[in-house]
Amino acid sequence: MLGSSYHSLQFSLNRRMTAGLLIKAAYTYSHAIDMADYSDWTQPRWMSDLAWGRNRASANYNQPHNLQFAYVYEFPFGSGKKWASNGGVQQKVLGGWQMNGIFSSFKGRQFTLSASGSSLNMPEPDHGQQTPDQVGPIVYTGCVGSDPGCTFFDTSSFVPVTEARFGTVGRNTMRAPGVVNMDMSLYRTFKLTEKFNLQFRAEAFNLSNTPHFSSPSGNASSRGSFGKVTSTDTNWGLGRSREFRFGFRVGF
């Protein structure tokens, strides 16, 4: 897309399976810039010549910090392992277990504040793209919920515009809550015959039950809801609230 760019610094750590342990980790520090939202790049936020340059800004999917950590650990019990490898009850009970996990932590996505465009006196689509004025520093309080006075950021730093001009707040200047997630599983493989095995699986998604919050309300003209986070985000592909799943898998 015209005017878009992406720069990143990436680190990775890989430990091959040794003594039953495999580790993979990756960290990315990046900055993505574009002219329009990824979901509709044909429609910039500001079509007016007076504000065209404001379209180039951090992308709404820009997440400067992204950490992923994964592991596989085969317990040291059973046939071919360090302990309980000589048969008997211990090998039958302790052998064949494996633990897996994925930890993810990354910054929230960016979003744009809005405000009533009635004072702009401009035709569509421009008059619907108004932003507020910023009159103070951006301060994130981190408060979530619908309680009075509980806002994710200091809303007193922004006021609606009452003149025939665009607000001073640019595109994607705010950031939604970040995400921390841990998925974990425990497997046990039973050898049925030479060709067939049965695997028991116990899986936990979002093991710590950490909420994944959605973006706060960004309309500065709706002071009652402005800055409030009242829902969770189900679009991350990382699960919602904590979930457990149990099952069996036949391999051959």
C-alpha atoms as a PDB file:
ATOM      1  CA  MET A   1       0.000   0.000   0.000  1.00  0.00           C
ATOM      2  CA  LEU A   2       1.217   3.512  -0.895  1.00  0.00           C
ATOM      3  CA  GLY A   3       2.867   5.222   2.074  1.00  0.00           C
ATOM      4  CA  SER A   4       3.131   2.090   4.212  1.00  0.00           C
ATOM      5  CA  SER A   5       6.293   0.804   5.880  1.00  0.00           C
ATOM      6  CA  TYR A   6       7.342  -1.747   8.481  1.00  0.00           C
ATOM      7  CA  HIS A   7      10.600  -1.897  10.420  1.00  0.00           C
ATOM      8  CA  SER A   8      11.493  -4.430  13.080  1.00  0.00           C
ATOM      9  CA  LEU A   9      14.236  -5.836  15.269  1.00  0.00           C
ATOM     10  CA  GLN A  10      13.812  -9.549  15.912  1.00  0.00           C
ATOM     11  CA  PHE A  11      15.424 -11.971  18.350  1.00  0.00           C
ATOM     12  CA  SER A  12      14.913 -15.710  18.600  1.00  0.00           C
ATOM     13  CA  LEU A  13      16.043 -18.512  20.887  1.00  0.00           C
ATOM     14  CA  ASN A  14      15.849 -22.157  19.868  1.00  0.00           C
ATOM     15  CA  ARG A  15      16.875 -25.152  21.954  1.00  0.00           C
ATOM     16  CA  ARG A  16      16.605 -28.430  20.130  1.00  0.00           C
ATOM     17  CA  MET A  17      15.102 -31.379  21.927  1.00  0.00           C
ATOM     18  CA  THR A  18      17.766 -32.323  24.472  1.00  0.00           C
ATOM     19  CA  ALA A  19      17.149 -34.443  27.569  1.00  0.00           C
ATOM     20  CA  GLY A  20      13.446 -34.254  26.755  1.00  0.00           C
ATOM     21  CA  LEU A  21      13.248 -30.440  26.656  1.00  0.00           C
ATOM     22  CA  LEU A  22      12.602 -28.240  23.607  1.00  0.00           C
ATOM     23  CA  ILE A  23      12.387 -24.425  23.856  1.00  0.00           C
ATOM     24  CA  LYS A  24      11.471 -21.798  21.279  1.00  0.00           C
ATOM     25  CA  ALA A  25      11.278 -18.084  22.044  1.00  0.00           C
ATOM     26  CA  ALA A  26      10.903 -15.008  19.854  1.00  0.00           C
ATOM     27  CA  TYR A  27      10.747 -11.278  20.534  1.00  0.00           C
ATOM     28  CA  THR A  28       9.953  -8.560  17.991  1.00  0.00           C
ATOM     29  CA  TYR A  29      10.294  -4.814  18.401  1.00  0.00           C
ATOM     30  CA  SER A  30       8.622  -3.121  15.450  1.00  0.00           C
ATOM     31  CA  HIS A  31       6.812  -0.124  14.028  1.00  0.00           C
ATOM     32  CA  ALA A  32       4.207  -0.296  11.256  1.00  0.00           C
ATOM     33  CA  ILE A  33       3.085   2.864   9.423  1.00  0.00           C
ATOM     34  CA  ASP A  34       0.362   3.242   6.799  1.00  0.00           C
ATOM     35  CA  MET A  35      -2.151   5.668   5.334  1.00  0.00           C
ATOM     36  CA  ALA A  36      -5.422   3.867   6.075  1.00  0.00           C
ATOM     37  CA  ASP A  37      -6.808   1.074   8.226  1.00  0.00           C
ATOM     38  CA  TYR A  38      -5.800  -2.371   7.045  1.00  0.00           C
ATOM     39  CA  SER A  39      -9.435  -3.518   6.823  1.00  0.00           C
ATOM     40  CA  ASP A  40     -10.266  -0.812   4.272  1.00  0.00           C
ATOM     41  CA  TRP A  41      -7.057   0.655   2.840  1.00  0.00           C
ATOM     42  CA  THR A  42      -8.974   2.251  -0.072  1.00  0.00           C
ATOM     43  CA  GLN A  43     -10.626   4.769   2.272  1.00  0.00           C
ATOM     44  CA  PRO A  44      -8.279   7.092   4.198  1.00  0.00           C
ATOM     45  CA  ARG A  45      -9.716   8.697   7.291  1.00  0.00           C
ATOM     46  CA  TRP A  46      -9.288  12.246   5.944  1.00  0.00           C
ATOM     47  CA  MET A  47     -10.084  12.931   2.287  1.00  0.00           C
ATOM     48  CA  SER A  48      -9.839  16.707   2.587  1.00  0.00           C
ATOM     49  CA  ASP A  49      -6.715  18.372   1.179  1.00  0.00           C
ATOM     50  CA  LEU A  50      -6.561  20.323   4.438  1.00  0.00           C
ATOM     51  CA  ALA A  51      -5.878  17.162   6.416  1.00  0.00           C
ATOM     52  CA  TRP A  52      -4.542  14.611   3.912  1.00  0.00           C
ATOM     53  CA  GLY A  53      -1.102  14.466   5.525  1.00  0.00           C
ATOM     54  CA  ARG A  54      -2.680  13.372   8.839  1.00  0.00           C
ATOM     55  CA  ASN A  55      -3.500   9.963   7.322  1.00  0.00           C
ATOM     56  CA  ARG A  56       0.099   8.767   7.485  1.00  0.00           C
ATOM     57  CA  ALA A  57       0.560   7.462  11.013  1.00  0.00           C
ATOM     58  CA  SER A  58       1.104   4.296  13.015  1.00  0.00           C
ATOM     59  CA  ALA A  59      -1.034   1.453  11.676  1.00  0.00           C
ATOM     60  CA  ASN A  60      -3.942   0.240  13.757  1.00  0.00           C
ATOM     61  CA  TYR A  61      -2.260  -3.195  13.938  1.00  0.00           C
ATOM     62  CA  ASN A  62       1.032  -1.679  15.127  1.00  0.00           C
ATOM     63  CA  GLN A  63       2.229  -3.618  18.184  1.00  0.00           C
ATOM     64  CA  PRO A  64       5.810  -2.587  19.008  1.00  0.00           C
ATOM     65  CA  HIS A  65       6.496  -5.341  21.554  1.00  0.00           C
ATOM     66  CA  ASN A  66       5.648  -8.986  20.865  1.00  0.00           C
ATOM     67  CA  LEU A  67       6.997 -11.874  22.937  1.00  0.00           C
ATOM     68  CA  GLN A  68       6.280 -15.558  22.276  1.00  0.00           C
ATOM     69  CA  PHE A  69       7.654 -18.468  24.290  1.00  0.00           C
ATOM     70  CA  ALA A  70       6.936 -22.151  23.714  1.00  0.00           C
ATOM     71  CA  TYR A  71       8.246 -25.378  25.214  1.00  0.00           C
ATOM     72  CA  VAL A  72       7.850 -29.145  25.115  1.00  0.00           C
ATOM     73  CA  TYR A  73       9.005 -31.265  28.054  1.00  0.00           C
ATOM     74  CA  GLU A  74       8.990 -35.033  28.149  1.00  0.00           C
ATOM     75  CA  PHE A  75       9.032 -36.245  31.745  1.00  0.00           C
ATOM     76  CA  PRO A  76      12.156 -38.357  32.529  1.00  0.00           C
ATOM     77  CA  PHE A  77      10.186 -41.473  33.397  1.00  0.00           C
ATOM     78  CA  GLY A  78       9.468 -44.637  31.440  1.00  0.00           C
ATOM     79  CA  SER A  79      11.100 -46.664  28.694  1.00  0.00           C
ATOM     80  CA  GLY A  80      14.322 -45.080  27.445  1.00  0.00           C
ATOM     81  CA  LYS A  81      14.259 -42.386  30.142  1.00  0.00           C
ATOM     82  CA  LYS A  82      16.442 -41.736  33.168  1.00  0.00           C
ATOM     83  CA  TRP A  83      14.055 -43.098  35.796  1.00  0.00           C
ATOM     84  CA  ALA A  84      11.405 -45.806  36.037  1.00  0.00           C
ATOM     85  CA  SER A  85      12.667 -47.430  32.844  1.00  0.00           C
ATOM     86  CA  ASN A  86      12.881 -51.047  33.976  1.00  0.00           C
ATOM     87  CA  GLY A  87       9.218 -51.908  33.707  1.00  0.00           C
ATOM     88  CA  GLY A  88       6.873 -52.579  36.553  1.00  0.00           C
ATOM     89  CA  VAL A  89       4.229 -50.380  38.140  1.00  0.00           C
ATOM     90  CA  GLN A  90       6.355 -47.216  38.218  1.00  0.00           C
ATOM     91  CA  GLN A  91       6.951 -47.267  34.474  1.00  0.00           C
ATOM     92  CA  LYS A  92       3.269 -47.934  33.758  1.00  0.00           C
ATOM     93  CA  VAL A  93       2.144 -45.050  35.972  1.00  0.00           C
ATOM     94  CA  LEU A  94       4.863 -42.451  35.369  1.00  0.00           C
ATOM     95  CA  GLY A  95       6.005 -43.204  31.814  1.00  0.00           C
ATOM     96  CA  GLY A  96       4.816 -41.470  28.645  1.00  0.00           C
ATOM     97  CA  TRP A  97       3.906 -38.032  30.086  1.00  0.00           C
ATOM     98  CA  GLN A  98       4.622 -34.822  28.180  1.00  0.00           C
ATOM     99  CA  MET A  99       3.954 -31.151  29.015  1.00  0.00           C
ATOM    100  CA  ASN A 100       3.597 -28.376  26.418  1.00  0.00           C
ATOM    101  CA  GLY A 101       2.996 -24.664  26.727  1.00  0.00           C
ATOM    102  CA  ILE A 102       2.832 -21.363  24.836  1.00  0.00           C
ATOM    103  CA  PHE A 103       3.188 -17.974  26.545  1.00  0.00           C
ATOM    104  CA  SER A 104       2.308 -14.781  24.657  1.00  0.00           C
ATOM    105  CA  SER A 105       2.641 -11.137  25.669  1.00  0.00           C
ATOM    106  CA  PHE A 106       2.223  -8.144  23.391  1.00  0.00           C
ATOM    107  CA  LYS A 107       1.114  -4.543  23.314  1.00  0.00           C
ATOM    108  CA  GLY A 108      -2.472  -3.633  22.483  1.00  0.00           C
ATOM    109  CA  ARG A 109      -3.479  -2.326  19.086  1.00  0.00           C
ATOM    110  CA  GLN A 110      -3.679   1.370  18.309  1.00  0.00           C
ATOM    111  CA  PHE A 111      -6.910   3.265  17.727  1.00  0.00           C
ATOM    112  CA  THR A 112      -8.095   6.773  16.892  1.00  0.00           C
ATOM    113  CA  LEU A 113     -10.159   9.029  19.113  1.00  0.00           C
ATOM    114  CA  SER A 114     -13.255  10.595  17.591  1.00  0.00           C
ATOM    115  CA  ALA A 115     -15.579  13.489  18.305  1.00  0.00           C
ATOM    116  CA  SER A 116     -18.676  15.124  16.913  1.00  0.00           C
ATOM    117  CA  GLY A 117     -18.041  16.650  13.480  1.00  0.00           C
ATOM    118  CA  SER A 118     -21.014  19.020  13.518  1.00  0.00           C
ATOM    119  CA  SER A 119     -18.817  22.121  13.785  1.00  0.00           C
ATOM    120  CA  LEU A 120     -16.728  21.181  10.733  1.00  0.00           C
ATOM    121  CA  ASN A 121     -19.489  22.154   8.282  1.00  0.00           C
ATOM    122  CA  MET A 122     -18.033  19.774   5.684  1.00  0.00           C
ATOM    123  CA  PRO A 123     -19.691  17.131   3.468  1.00  0.00           C
ATOM    124  CA  GLU A 124     -19.232  13.379   3.879  1.00  0.00           C
ATOM    125  CA  PRO A 125     -16.961  11.600   4.399  1.00  0.00           C
ATOM    126  CA  ASP A 126     -14.898  14.351   6.001  1.00  0.00           C
ATOM    127  CA  HIS A 127     -17.291  15.611   8.641  1.00  0.00           C
ATOM    128  CA  GLY A 128     -17.535  12.132  10.189  1.00  0.00           C
ATOM    129  CA  GLN A 129     -13.766  11.947  10.721  1.00  0.00           C
ATOM    130  CA  GLN A 130     -13.411  14.578  13.420  1.00  0.00           C
ATOM    131  CA  THR A 131     -11.041  14.088  16.357  1.00  0.00           C
ATOM    132  CA  PRO A 132     -10.875  16.013  19.647  1.00  0.00           C
ATOM    133  CA  ASP A 133      -8.289  18.526  20.779  1.00  0.00           C
ATOM    134  CA  GLN A 134      -5.556  17.295  23.100  1.00  0.00           C
ATOM    135  CA  VAL A 135      -5.149  19.716  25.996  1.00  0.00           C
ATOM    136  CA  GLY A 136      -2.987  17.586  28.292  1.00  0.00           C
ATOM    137  CA  PRO A 137      -0.539  14.659  28.232  1.00  0.00           C
ATOM    138  CA  ILE A 138      -1.666  11.121  27.412  1.00  0.00           C
ATOM    139  CA  VAL A 139      -1.809   9.298  30.745  1.00  0.00           C
ATOM    140  CA  TYR A 140      -2.930   5.657  30.946  1.00  0.00           C
ATOM    141  CA  THR A 141      -4.572   4.759  34.252  1.00  0.00           C
ATOM    142  CA  GLY A 142      -5.308   1.153  33.296  1.00  0.00           C
ATOM    143  CA  CYS A 143      -8.703   1.211  35.027  1.00  0.00           C
ATOM    144  CA  VAL A 144     -11.334  -1.036  33.421  1.00  0.00           C
ATOM    145  CA  GLY A 145     -15.020  -1.377  34.176  1.00  0.00           C
ATOM    146  CA  SER A 146     -18.155   0.750  34.162  1.00  0.00           C
ATOM    147  CA  ASP A 147     -17.731   2.350  37.596  1.00  0.00           C
ATOM    148  CA  PRO A 148     -17.961   6.161  37.610  1.00  0.00           C
ATOM    149  CA  GLY A 149     -14.561   7.747  37.189  1.00  0.00           C
ATOM    150  CA  CYS A 150     -12.971   4.492  35.979  1.00  0.00           C
ATOM    151  CA  THR A 151     -11.393   5.216  32.603  1.00  0.00           C
ATOM    152  CA  PHE A 152      -8.484   3.478  30.877  1.00  0.00           C
ATOM    153  CA  PHE A 153      -6.813   6.830  30.212  1.00  0.00           C
ATOM    154  CA  ASP A 154      -7.141  10.373  31.557  1.00  0.00           C
ATOM    155  CA  THR A 155     -10.082  11.710  29.555  1.00  0.00           C
ATOM    156  CA  SER A 156      -9.573  15.271  30.851  1.00  0.00           C
ATOM    157  CA  SER A 157      -6.695  15.571  28.371  1.00  0.00           C
ATOM    158  CA  PHE A 158      -9.146  15.651  25.451  1.00  0.00           C
ATOM    159  CA  VAL A 159     -12.017  18.004  24.602  1.00  0.00           C
ATOM    160  CA  PRO A 160     -14.406  18.129  21.596  1.00  0.00           C
ATOM    161  CA  VAL A 161     -13.859  20.814  18.954  1.00  0.00           C
ATOM    162  CA  THR A 162     -16.511  23.518  18.624  1.00  0.00           C
ATOM    163  CA  GLU A 163     -14.921  25.436  15.726  1.00  0.00           C
ATOM    164  CA  ALA A 164     -14.777  24.860  11.951  1.00  0.00           C
ATOM    165  CA  ARG A 165     -11.478  22.963  12.008  1.00  0.00           C
ATOM    166  CA  PHE A 166     -10.086  19.512  12.661  1.00  0.00           C
ATOM    167  CA  GLY A 167      -9.039  18.528  16.158  1.00  0.00           C
ATOM    168  CA  THR A 168      -5.377  18.321  17.067  1.00  0.00           C
ATOM    169  CA  VAL A 169      -5.463  14.594  17.860  1.00  0.00           C
ATOM    170  CA  GLY A 170      -4.072  12.539  14.992  1.00  0.00           C
ATOM    171  CA  ARG A 171      -4.742   9.052  13.710  1.00  0.00           C
ATOM    172  CA  ASN A 172      -4.017   6.037  15.943  1.00  0.00           C
ATOM    173  CA  THR A 173      -2.482   8.026  18.786  1.00  0.00           C
ATOM    174  CA  MET A 174      -4.008   5.797  21.495  1.00  0.00           C
ATOM    175  CA  ARG A 175      -3.316   2.199  22.469  1.00  0.00           C
ATOM    176  CA  ALA A 176      -5.722  -0.490  23.665  1.00  0.00           C
ATOM    177  CA  PRO A 177      -4.916  -2.805  26.605  1.00  0.00           C
ATOM    178  CA  GLY A 178      -2.198  -5.363  25.950  1.00  0.00           C
ATOM    179  CA  VAL A 179      -2.553  -9.122  26.049  1.00  0.00           C
ATOM    180  CA  VAL A 180      -0.903 -11.746  28.269  1.00  0.00           C
ATOM    181  CA  ASN A 181      -1.865 -15.362  27.654  1.00  0.00           C
ATOM    182  CA  MET A 182      -0.677 -18.821  28.673  1.00  0.00           C
ATOM    183  CA  ASP A 183      -1.871 -22.061  27.077  1.00  0.00           C
ATOM    184  CA  MET A 184      -0.729 -25.373  28.561  1.00  0.00           C
ATOM    185  CA  SER A 185      -1.333 -29.044  27.868  1.00  0.00           C
ATOM    186  CA  LEU A 186      -0.476 -32.384  29.417  1.00  0.00           C
ATOM    187  CA  TYR A 187      -0.273 -35.533  27.275  1.00  0.00           C
ATOM    188  CA  ARG A 188       0.075 -39.209  28.152  1.00  0.00           C
ATOM    189  CA  THR A 189       0.747 -41.771  25.445  1.00  0.00           C
ATOM    190  CA  PHE A 190      -0.212 -45.428  25.891  1.00  0.00           C
ATOM    191  CA  LYS A 191       1.263 -47.987  23.508  1.00  0.00           C
ATOM    192  CA  LEU A 192      -1.526 -50.389  22.567  1.00  0.00           C
ATOM    193  CA  THR A 193       0.251 -52.505  19.954  1.00  0.00           C
ATOM    194  CA  GLU A 194       3.353 -52.182  17.818  1.00  0.00           C
ATOM    195  CA  LYS A 195       1.474 -49.941  15.357  1.00  0.00           C
ATOM    196  CA  PHE A 196      -1.223 -48.311  17.499  1.00  0.00           C
ATOM    197  CA  ASN A 197      -1.036 -45.933  20.437  1.00  0.00           C
ATOM    198  CA  LEU A 198      -3.602 -43.983  22.435  1.00  0.00           C
ATOM    199  CA  GLN A 199      -2.878 -40.457  23.639  1.00  0.00           C
ATOM    200  CA  PHE A 200      -4.746 -38.759  26.479  1.00  0.00           C
ATOM    201  CA  ARG A 201      -4.815 -34.950  26.242  1.00  0.00           C
ATOM    202  CA  ALA A 202      -5.654 -32.386  28.922  1.00  0.00           C
ATOM    203  CA  GLU A 203      -5.486 -28.842  27.538  1.00  0.00           C
ATOM    204  CA  ALA A 204      -5.956 -25.465  29.214  1.00  0.00           C
ATOM    205  CA  PHE A 205      -6.419 -22.256  27.205  1.00  0.00           C
ATOM    206  CA  ASN A 206      -5.737 -18.944  28.985  1.00  0.00           C
ATOM    207  CA  LEU A 207      -4.671 -20.935  32.028  1.00  0.00           C
ATOM    208  CA  SER A 208      -4.363 -17.884  34.313  1.00  0.00           C
ATOM    209  CA  ASN A 209      -7.809 -16.622  33.201  1.00  0.00           C
ATOM    210  CA  THR A 210      -6.252 -13.225  32.385  1.00  0.00           C
ATOM    211  CA  PRO A 211      -8.865 -10.974  30.702  1.00  0.00           C
ATOM    212  CA  HIS A 212      -8.168  -9.785  27.168  1.00  0.00           C
ATOM    213  CA  PHE A 213      -9.850  -6.384  27.184  1.00  0.00           C
ATOM    214  CA  SER A 214     -11.200  -4.573  24.139  1.00  0.00           C
ATOM    215  CA  SER A 215     -10.386  -0.979  23.221  1.00  0.00           C
ATOM    216  CA  PRO A 216     -11.960   1.733  25.365  1.00  0.00           C
ATOM    217  CA  SER A 217     -14.672   3.969  23.978  1.00  0.00           C
ATOM    218  CA  GLY A 218     -12.909   6.689  21.984  1.00  0.00           C
ATOM    219  CA  ASN A 219     -15.723   9.188  21.356  1.00  0.00           C
ATOM    220  CA  ALA A 220     -14.838  12.383  23.223  1.00  0.00           C
ATOM    221  CA  SER A 221     -18.328  13.751  22.604  1.00  0.00           C
ATOM    222  CA  SER A 222     -19.887  10.926  24.637  1.00  0.00           C
ATOM    223  CA  ARG A 223     -18.487  11.863  28.018  1.00  0.00           C
ATOM    224  CA  GLY A 224     -20.454   9.198  29.878  1.00  0.00           C
ATOM    225  CA  SER A 225     -18.655   6.323  28.114  1.00  0.00           C
ATOM    226  CA  PHE A 226     -15.497   8.057  26.898  1.00  0.00           C
ATOM    227  CA  GLY A 227     -12.368   6.149  27.908  1.00  0.00           C
ATOM    228  CA  LYS A 228     -14.235   3.227  29.499  1.00  0.00           C
ATOM    229  CA  VAL A 229     -13.416  -0.437  28.864  1.00  0.00           C
ATOM    230  CA  THR A 230     -16.552  -2.518  29.416  1.00  0.00           C
ATOM    231  CA  SER A 231     -15.963  -5.658  27.324  1.00  0.00           C
ATOM    232  CA  THR A 232     -13.351  -8.241  26.389  1.00  0.00           C
ATOM    233  CA  ASP A 233     -11.797  -8.780  22.984  1.00  0.00           C
ATOM    234  CA  THR A 234     -12.453 -12.151  21.311  1.00  0.00           C
ATOM    235  CA  ASN A 235     -10.529 -11.362  18.121  1.00  0.00           C
ATOM    236  CA  TRP A 236      -6.997 -12.258  19.244  1.00  0.00           C
ATOM    237  CA  GLY A 237      -7.234 -15.958  18.453  1.00  0.00           C
ATOM    238  CA  LEU A 238      -5.847 -16.679  21.923  1.00  0.00           C
ATOM    239  CA  GLY A 239      -8.989 -17.865  23.614  1.00  0.00           C
ATOM    240  CA  ARG A 240     -11.471 -15.958  25.727  1.00  0.00           C
ATOM    241  CA  SER A 241     -11.895 -16.795  29.382  1.00  0.00           C
ATOM    242  CA  ARG A 242     -10.155 -19.877  30.752  1.00  0.00           C
ATOM    243  CA  GLU A 243     -11.154 -23.076  28.962  1.00  0.00           C
ATOM    244  CA  PHE A 244     -10.301 -26.726  29.619  1.00  0.00           C
ATOM    245  CA  ARG A 245     -10.504 -29.489  27.064  1.00  0.00           C
ATOM    246  CA  PHE A 246      -9.984 -33.225  27.499  1.00  0.00           C
ATOM    247  CA  GLY A 247      -9.748 -35.831  24.765  1.00  0.00           C
ATOM    248  CA  PHE A 248      -8.146 -38.924  23.325  1.00  0.00           C
ATOM    249  CA  ARG A 249      -6.219 -39.384  20.082  1.00  0.00           C
ATOM    250  CA  VAL A 250      -5.479 -42.669  18.346  1.00  0.00           C
ATOM    251  CA  GLY A 251      -2.202 -42.832  16.436  1.00  0.00           C
ATOM    252  CA  PHE A 252      -1.074 -45.451  13.962  1.00  0.00           C
END
